[in-house]
Amino acid sequence: MKFQLDPSTAQTISGYGPGWISMGAEKITRSVIIGSGGLRQEWPCARFEDLRPEHFAQLAALDAQIILFGSGARTRFPPAAWLAPLIARRLSLESMDTRAACRTYNILAGEGREVAAALLLEA
């Protein structure tokens, strides 16, 4: 029986604060979509109020088992109608504040799960 965890090769978040996250030595200050398999792409929205249905359609195209939505400094939920592309693919979106999304992402990525996080980094 093995009691030692295998080291994870997943991309993880090494730090976070108001308006930023870090991945390794790199500090990211714009909203971003990341995935445990190495995905990293800009998410073109600076504030929750900037979000539109197409932002969530972009998430529906991801190859992930779990999608986390870090909604900024506090937990906020997108309108249900915007989630239609995710529902059509039988994907759920877990909404939480960005700090909680960072922690949850790291845990799931460390478990070897196919997870993606859309992180709203409001300044």
C-alpha atoms as a PDB file:
ATOM      1  CA  MET A   1       0.000   0.000   0.000  1.00  0.00           C
ATOM      2  CA  LYS A   2       1.292   3.399  -0.974  1.00  0.00           C
ATOM      3  CA  PHE A   3       0.794   6.386   1.356  1.00  0.00           C
ATOM      4  CA  GLN A   4       2.749   8.986  -0.566  1.00  0.00           C
ATOM      5  CA  LEU A   5       1.071  11.163  -3.171  1.00  0.00           C
ATOM      6  CA  ASP A   6       2.393  11.141  -6.703  1.00  0.00           C
ATOM      7  CA  PRO A   7       3.695  14.571  -7.658  1.00  0.00           C
ATOM      8  CA  SER A   8       1.219  16.378  -9.872  1.00  0.00           C
ATOM      9  CA  THR A   9       2.255  17.681 -13.272  1.00  0.00           C
ATOM     10  CA  ALA A  10      -0.855  19.869 -13.539  1.00  0.00           C
ATOM     11  CA  GLN A  11      -0.589  23.597 -14.010  1.00  0.00           C
ATOM     12  CA  THR A  12      -1.339  25.223 -10.642  1.00  0.00           C
ATOM     13  CA  ILE A  13      -1.825  28.654  -9.137  1.00  0.00           C
ATOM     14  CA  SER A  14       1.017  29.621  -6.816  1.00  0.00           C
ATOM     15  CA  GLY A  15      -0.466  32.819  -5.385  1.00  0.00           C
ATOM     16  CA  TYR A  16      -3.394  35.212  -5.593  1.00  0.00           C
ATOM     17  CA  GLY A  17      -4.494  38.598  -4.370  1.00  0.00           C
ATOM     18  CA  PRO A  18      -6.841  41.435  -5.331  1.00  0.00           C
ATOM     19  CA  GLY A  19      -6.625  41.751  -9.127  1.00  0.00           C
ATOM     20  CA  TRP A  20      -3.932  39.135  -9.742  1.00  0.00           C
ATOM     21  CA  ILE A  21      -2.889  35.490  -9.625  1.00  0.00           C
ATOM     22  CA  SER A  22       0.539  33.967 -10.083  1.00  0.00           C
ATOM     23  CA  MET A  23       1.513  30.783 -11.823  1.00  0.00           C
ATOM     24  CA  GLY A  24       5.074  29.973 -10.926  1.00  0.00           C
ATOM     25  CA  ALA A  25       7.039  33.221 -11.159  1.00  0.00           C
ATOM     26  CA  GLU A  26       4.563  34.823 -13.589  1.00  0.00           C
ATOM     27  CA  LYS A  27       2.034  37.328 -12.266  1.00  0.00           C
ATOM     28  CA  ILE A  28      -1.229  37.543 -14.253  1.00  0.00           C
ATOM     29  CA  THR A  29      -3.327  40.689 -13.881  1.00  0.00           C
ATOM     30  CA  ARG A  30      -6.012  40.172 -16.537  1.00  0.00           C
ATOM     31  CA  SER A  31      -8.963  37.809 -16.390  1.00  0.00           C
ATOM     32  CA  VAL A  32      -7.897  34.398 -17.584  1.00  0.00           C
ATOM     33  CA  ILE A  33      -9.075  30.869 -18.334  1.00  0.00           C
ATOM     34  CA  ILE A  34      -6.718  28.152 -17.154  1.00  0.00           C
ATOM     35  CA  GLY A  35      -6.857  24.388 -17.321  1.00  0.00           C
ATOM     36  CA  SER A  36      -5.074  21.608 -15.504  1.00  0.00           C
ATOM     37  CA  GLY A  37      -3.729  20.292 -18.817  1.00  0.00           C
ATOM     38  CA  GLY A  38      -1.852  23.538 -19.550  1.00  0.00           C
ATOM     39  CA  LEU A  39      -4.593  25.692 -21.065  1.00  0.00           C
ATOM     40  CA  ARG A  40      -4.104  29.401 -20.503  1.00  0.00           C
ATOM     41  CA  GLN A  41      -5.960  32.037 -22.472  1.00  0.00           C
ATOM     42  CA  GLU A  42      -7.089  35.572 -21.856  1.00  0.00           C
ATOM     43  CA  TRP A  43     -10.748  35.980 -20.913  1.00  0.00           C
ATOM     44  CA  PRO A  44     -11.709  39.409 -22.296  1.00  0.00           C
ATOM     45  CA  CYS A  45     -13.647  40.894 -19.373  1.00  0.00           C
ATOM     46  CA  ALA A  46     -12.332  43.220 -16.709  1.00  0.00           C
ATOM     47  CA  ARG A  47     -15.416  43.367 -14.473  1.00  0.00           C
ATOM     48  CA  PHE A  48     -18.414  41.183 -13.726  1.00  0.00           C
ATOM     49  CA  GLU A  49     -20.565  43.784 -15.474  1.00  0.00           C
ATOM     50  CA  ASP A  50     -18.569  43.206 -18.702  1.00  0.00           C
ATOM     51  CA  LEU A  51     -19.652  39.569 -18.952  1.00  0.00           C
ATOM     52  CA  ARG A  52     -21.920  38.520 -21.814  1.00  0.00           C
ATOM     53  CA  PRO A  53     -23.409  35.199 -23.015  1.00  0.00           C
ATOM     54  CA  GLU A  54     -20.462  34.669 -25.391  1.00  0.00           C
ATOM     55  CA  HIS A  55     -18.063  34.491 -22.435  1.00  0.00           C
ATOM     56  CA  PHE A  56     -19.916  31.410 -21.183  1.00  0.00           C
ATOM     57  CA  ALA A  57     -20.224  29.931 -24.681  1.00  0.00           C
ATOM     58  CA  GLN A  58     -16.408  30.092 -24.739  1.00  0.00           C
ATOM     59  CA  LEU A  59     -16.331  27.999 -21.552  1.00  0.00           C
ATOM     60  CA  ALA A  60     -18.692  25.415 -23.069  1.00  0.00           C
ATOM     61  CA  ALA A  61     -16.076  24.718 -25.748  1.00  0.00           C
ATOM     62  CA  LEU A  62     -13.456  23.679 -23.171  1.00  0.00           C
ATOM     63  CA  ASP A  63     -12.397  20.081 -22.752  1.00  0.00           C
ATOM     64  CA  ALA A  64     -12.912  19.789 -18.988  1.00  0.00           C
ATOM     65  CA  GLN A  65     -14.897  17.672 -16.537  1.00  0.00           C
ATOM     66  CA  ILE A  66     -15.331  20.562 -14.115  1.00  0.00           C
ATOM     67  CA  ILE A  67     -15.553  24.286 -14.845  1.00  0.00           C
ATOM     68  CA  LEU A  68     -15.071  26.820 -12.058  1.00  0.00           C
ATOM     69  CA  PHE A  69     -16.113  30.456 -12.331  1.00  0.00           C
ATOM     70  CA  GLY A  70     -14.207  32.854 -10.084  1.00  0.00           C
ATOM     71  CA  SER A  71     -16.550  35.846 -10.036  1.00  0.00           C
ATOM     72  CA  GLY A  72     -14.237  38.412  -8.433  1.00  0.00           C
ATOM     73  CA  ALA A  73     -14.108  39.590  -4.823  1.00  0.00           C
ATOM     74  CA  ARG A  74     -17.502  38.095  -3.985  1.00  0.00           C
ATOM     75  CA  THR A  75     -19.615  35.231  -5.251  1.00  0.00           C
ATOM     76  CA  ARG A  76     -21.921  36.255  -8.069  1.00  0.00           C
ATOM     77  CA  PHE A  77     -23.932  34.169 -10.506  1.00  0.00           C
ATOM     78  CA  PRO A  78     -24.401  34.696 -14.245  1.00  0.00           C
ATOM     79  CA  PRO A  79     -27.961  34.751 -15.593  1.00  0.00           C
ATOM     80  CA  ALA A  80     -29.250  31.203 -16.092  1.00  0.00           C
ATOM     81  CA  ALA A  81     -29.925  31.802 -19.797  1.00  0.00           C
ATOM     82  CA  TRP A  82     -26.196  32.384 -20.374  1.00  0.00           C
ATOM     83  CA  LEU A  83     -25.449  28.832 -19.213  1.00  0.00           C
ATOM     84  CA  ALA A  84     -27.421  27.194 -22.058  1.00  0.00           C
ATOM     85  CA  PRO A  85     -24.290  26.206 -24.055  1.00  0.00           C
ATOM     86  CA  LEU A  86     -22.855  24.514 -20.950  1.00  0.00           C
ATOM     87  CA  ILE A  87     -26.122  22.730 -20.195  1.00  0.00           C
ATOM     88  CA  ALA A  88     -26.317  21.521 -23.805  1.00  0.00           C
ATOM     89  CA  ARG A  89     -22.953  19.773 -23.276  1.00  0.00           C
ATOM     90  CA  ARG A  90     -24.056  18.470 -19.861  1.00  0.00           C
ATOM     91  CA  LEU A  91     -21.440  20.604 -18.094  1.00  0.00           C
ATOM     92  CA  SER A  92     -22.014  22.469 -14.890  1.00  0.00           C
ATOM     93  CA  LEU A  93     -20.455  25.727 -13.841  1.00  0.00           C
ATOM     94  CA  GLU A  94     -19.487  26.147 -10.195  1.00  0.00           C
ATOM     95  CA  SER A  95     -19.583  29.831  -9.190  1.00  0.00           C
ATOM     96  CA  MET A  96     -17.519  31.138  -6.286  1.00  0.00           C
ATOM     97  CA  ASP A  97     -15.350  34.129  -5.496  1.00  0.00           C
ATOM     98  CA  THR A  98     -12.004  34.141  -7.293  1.00  0.00           C
ATOM     99  CA  ARG A  99      -9.955  33.299  -4.182  1.00  0.00           C
ATOM    100  CA  ALA A 100     -12.092  30.201  -3.532  1.00  0.00           C
ATOM    101  CA  ALA A 101     -11.924  29.266  -7.222  1.00  0.00           C
ATOM    102  CA  CYS A 102      -8.109  29.384  -7.094  1.00  0.00           C
ATOM    103  CA  ARG A 103      -7.982  27.094  -4.056  1.00  0.00           C
ATOM    104  CA  THR A 104     -10.572  24.695  -5.477  1.00  0.00           C
ATOM    105  CA  TYR A 105      -8.795  24.612  -8.844  1.00  0.00           C
ATOM    106  CA  ASN A 106      -5.485  23.648  -7.211  1.00  0.00           C
ATOM    107  CA  ILE A 107      -7.094  20.869  -5.189  1.00  0.00           C
ATOM    108  CA  LEU A 108      -8.892  19.377  -8.190  1.00  0.00           C
ATOM    109  CA  ALA A 109      -5.879  19.750 -10.492  1.00  0.00           C
ATOM    110  CA  GLY A 110      -3.698  18.092  -7.838  1.00  0.00           C
ATOM    111  CA  GLU A 111      -6.118  15.144  -7.805  1.00  0.00           C
ATOM    112  CA  GLY A 112      -5.558  14.713 -11.533  1.00  0.00           C
ATOM    113  CA  ARG A 113      -9.024  15.984 -12.505  1.00  0.00           C
ATOM    114  CA  GLU A 114      -9.658  17.685 -15.846  1.00  0.00           C
ATOM    115  CA  VAL A 115     -10.586  21.079 -14.439  1.00  0.00           C
ATOM    116  CA  ALA A 116     -10.752  24.547 -15.966  1.00  0.00           C
ATOM    117  CA  ALA A 117     -11.189  27.858 -14.175  1.00  0.00           C
ATOM    118  CA  ALA A 118     -12.430  31.125 -15.616  1.00  0.00           C
ATOM    119  CA  LEU A 119     -11.053  33.707 -13.227  1.00  0.00           C
ATOM    120  CA  LEU A 120     -12.338  37.266 -13.165  1.00  0.00           C
ATOM    121  CA  LEU A 121      -9.430  39.410 -11.961  1.00  0.00           C
ATOM    122  CA  GLU A 122     -10.955  42.726 -11.015  1.00  0.00           C
ATOM    123  CA  ALA A 123      -8.465  45.417 -10.037  1.00  0.00           C
END
